[in-house]
């Protein structure tokens, strides 16, 4: 198991921060869209929320 961790660390060092930044950016965009949907659905007016 320690060999696997060392191998993953070596691959991550060679790869640079590109993949991690891509994942963080994608997760942020998805989170922002879900947050906007959740907040804006409260402003919807269907004439049945008296």
N, C-alpha and C. Protein backbone atom coordinates (compact mmCIF):
# COMPACT_ATOMS: atom_id res chain seq x y z
N UNK A 1 0.81 -1.21 0.00
CA UNK A 1 0.00 0.00 0.00
C UNK A 1 0.85 1.27 0.00
N UNK A 2 1.96 1.31 0.74
CA UNK A 2 2.80 2.52 0.69
C UNK A 2 3.35 2.78 -0.70
N UNK A 3 3.55 1.72 -1.48
CA UNK A 3 4.05 1.90 -2.83
C UNK A 3 3.02 2.62 -3.70
N UNK A 4 1.75 2.31 -3.46
CA UNK A 4 0.68 2.96 -4.24
C UNK A 4 0.64 4.45 -3.93
N UNK A 5 0.76 4.80 -2.65
CA UNK A 5 0.74 6.21 -2.26
C UNK A 5 1.93 6.96 -2.88
N UNK A 6 3.09 6.33 -2.87
CA UNK A 6 4.27 6.96 -3.47
C UNK A 6 4.10 7.12 -4.97
N UNK A 7 3.51 6.12 -5.61
CA UNK A 7 3.28 6.20 -7.05
C UNK A 7 2.29 7.32 -7.37
N UNK A 8 1.20 7.41 -6.60
CA UNK A 8 0.22 8.47 -6.84
C UNK A 8 0.83 9.85 -6.61
N UNK A 9 1.67 9.96 -5.59
CA UNK A 9 2.33 11.24 -5.31
C UNK A 9 3.26 11.62 -6.46
N UNK A 10 3.98 10.65 -7.00
CA UNK A 10 4.89 10.92 -8.12
C UNK A 10 4.11 11.34 -9.36
N UNK A 11 2.99 10.67 -9.62
CA UNK A 11 2.17 11.03 -10.78
C UNK A 11 1.59 12.43 -10.60
N UNK A 12 1.14 12.74 -9.39
CA UNK A 12 0.57 14.05 -9.12
C UNK A 12 1.62 15.15 -9.29
N UNK A 13 2.84 14.90 -8.89
CA UNK A 13 3.90 15.90 -9.03
C UNK A 13 4.22 16.13 -10.50
N UNK A 14 4.21 15.07 -11.28
CA UNK A 14 4.50 15.23 -12.71
C UNK A 14 3.38 15.96 -13.43
N UNK A 15 2.16 15.72 -12.98
CA UNK A 15 1.00 16.26 -13.68
C UNK A 15 0.81 17.75 -13.44
N UNK A 16 1.20 18.23 -12.27
CA UNK A 16 0.99 19.62 -11.93
C UNK A 16 -0.41 19.86 -11.40
N UNK A 17 -0.76 21.09 -11.18
CA UNK A 17 -2.05 21.40 -10.55
C UNK A 17 -3.22 21.45 -11.53
N UNK A 18 -3.01 21.11 -12.78
CA UNK A 18 -4.05 21.26 -13.80
C UNK A 18 -5.30 20.47 -13.51
N UNK A 19 -5.16 19.19 -13.19
CA UNK A 19 -6.32 18.33 -12.96
C UNK A 19 -7.07 18.78 -11.71
N UNK A 20 -6.34 19.09 -10.65
CA UNK A 20 -6.98 19.52 -9.41
C UNK A 20 -7.74 20.83 -9.61
N UNK A 21 -7.13 21.77 -10.29
CA UNK A 21 -7.81 23.03 -10.55
C UNK A 21 -9.04 22.84 -11.42
N UNK A 22 -8.96 21.93 -12.38
CA UNK A 22 -10.10 21.64 -13.24
C UNK A 22 -11.26 21.07 -12.43
N UNK A 23 -10.96 20.15 -11.51
CA UNK A 23 -11.99 19.56 -10.66
C UNK A 23 -12.60 20.61 -9.74
N UNK A 24 -11.76 21.43 -9.13
CA UNK A 24 -12.26 22.48 -8.23
C UNK A 24 -13.12 23.48 -8.99
N UNK A 25 -12.70 23.86 -10.18
CA UNK A 25 -13.47 24.81 -10.99
C UNK A 25 -14.81 24.22 -11.40
N UNK A 26 -14.81 22.97 -11.83
CA UNK A 26 -16.06 22.32 -12.23
C UNK A 26 -17.01 22.19 -11.04
N UNK A 27 -16.48 21.80 -9.88
CA UNK A 27 -17.32 21.67 -8.69
C UNK A 27 -17.87 23.04 -8.27
N UNK A 28 -17.09 24.08 -8.40
CA UNK A 28 -17.55 25.42 -8.05
C UNK A 28 -18.67 25.88 -8.97
N UNK A 29 -18.52 25.62 -10.26
CA UNK A 29 -19.56 26.02 -11.22
C UNK A 29 -20.85 25.26 -10.95
N UNK A 30 -20.74 23.95 -10.74
CA UNK A 30 -21.94 23.15 -10.45
C UNK A 30 -22.58 23.62 -9.14
N UNK A 31 -21.77 23.90 -8.14
CA UNK A 31 -22.30 24.40 -6.87
C UNK A 31 -22.99 25.75 -7.02
N UNK A 32 -22.42 26.63 -7.82
CA UNK A 32 -23.02 27.94 -8.03
C UNK A 32 -24.36 27.83 -8.75
N UNK A 33 -24.43 26.93 -9.74
CA UNK A 33 -25.68 26.73 -10.46
C UNK A 33 -26.75 26.17 -9.53
N UNK A 34 -26.39 25.19 -8.72
CA UNK A 34 -27.37 24.62 -7.78
C UNK A 34 -27.80 25.64 -6.73
N UNK A 35 -26.88 26.45 -6.25
CA UNK A 35 -27.24 27.48 -5.28
C UNK A 35 -28.16 28.52 -5.91
N UNK A 36 -27.86 28.94 -7.12
CA UNK A 36 -28.72 29.92 -7.80
C UNK A 36 -30.11 29.35 -8.02
N UNK A 37 -30.18 28.07 -8.44
CA UNK A 37 -31.49 27.45 -8.64
C UNK A 37 -32.26 27.39 -7.33
N UNK A 38 -31.59 27.00 -6.26
CA UNK A 38 -32.25 26.87 -4.97
C UNK A 38 -32.76 28.22 -4.47
N UNK A 39 -31.95 29.26 -4.63
CA UNK A 39 -32.36 30.58 -4.15
C UNK A 39 -33.43 31.20 -5.04
N UNK A 40 -33.29 31.06 -6.35
CA UNK A 40 -34.22 31.73 -7.26
C UNK A 40 -35.57 31.03 -7.36
N UNK A 41 -35.66 29.76 -7.00
CA UNK A 41 -36.95 29.09 -7.09
C UNK A 41 -37.93 29.64 -6.07
N UNK A 42 -37.43 30.30 -5.04
CA UNK A 42 -38.30 30.92 -4.05
C UNK A 42 -38.97 32.18 -4.58
N UNK A 43 -38.43 32.76 -5.65
CA UNK A 43 -39.00 33.97 -6.22
C UNK A 43 -40.00 33.68 -7.33
N UNK A 44 -40.18 32.40 -7.65
CA UNK A 44 -41.12 32.01 -8.69
C UNK A 44 -42.54 32.30 -8.22
N UNK A 45 -43.38 32.80 -9.12
CA UNK A 45 -44.75 33.16 -8.77
C UNK A 45 -45.69 32.32 -9.63
N UNK A 46 -46.31 31.31 -8.99
CA UNK A 46 -47.24 30.43 -9.71
C UNK A 46 -48.69 30.74 -9.39
N UNK A 47 -48.93 31.84 -8.70
CA UNK A 47 -50.29 32.25 -8.28
C UNK A 47 -50.95 31.22 -7.37
N UNK A 48 -50.17 30.39 -6.71
CA UNK A 48 -50.76 29.46 -5.76
C UNK A 48 -50.01 29.46 -4.44
N UNK A 49 -49.26 30.53 -4.20
CA UNK A 49 -48.49 30.62 -2.96
C UNK A 49 -49.02 31.75 -2.06
N UNK A 50 -50.33 31.78 -1.92
CA UNK A 50 -50.96 32.82 -1.09
C UNK A 50 -50.75 32.53 0.38
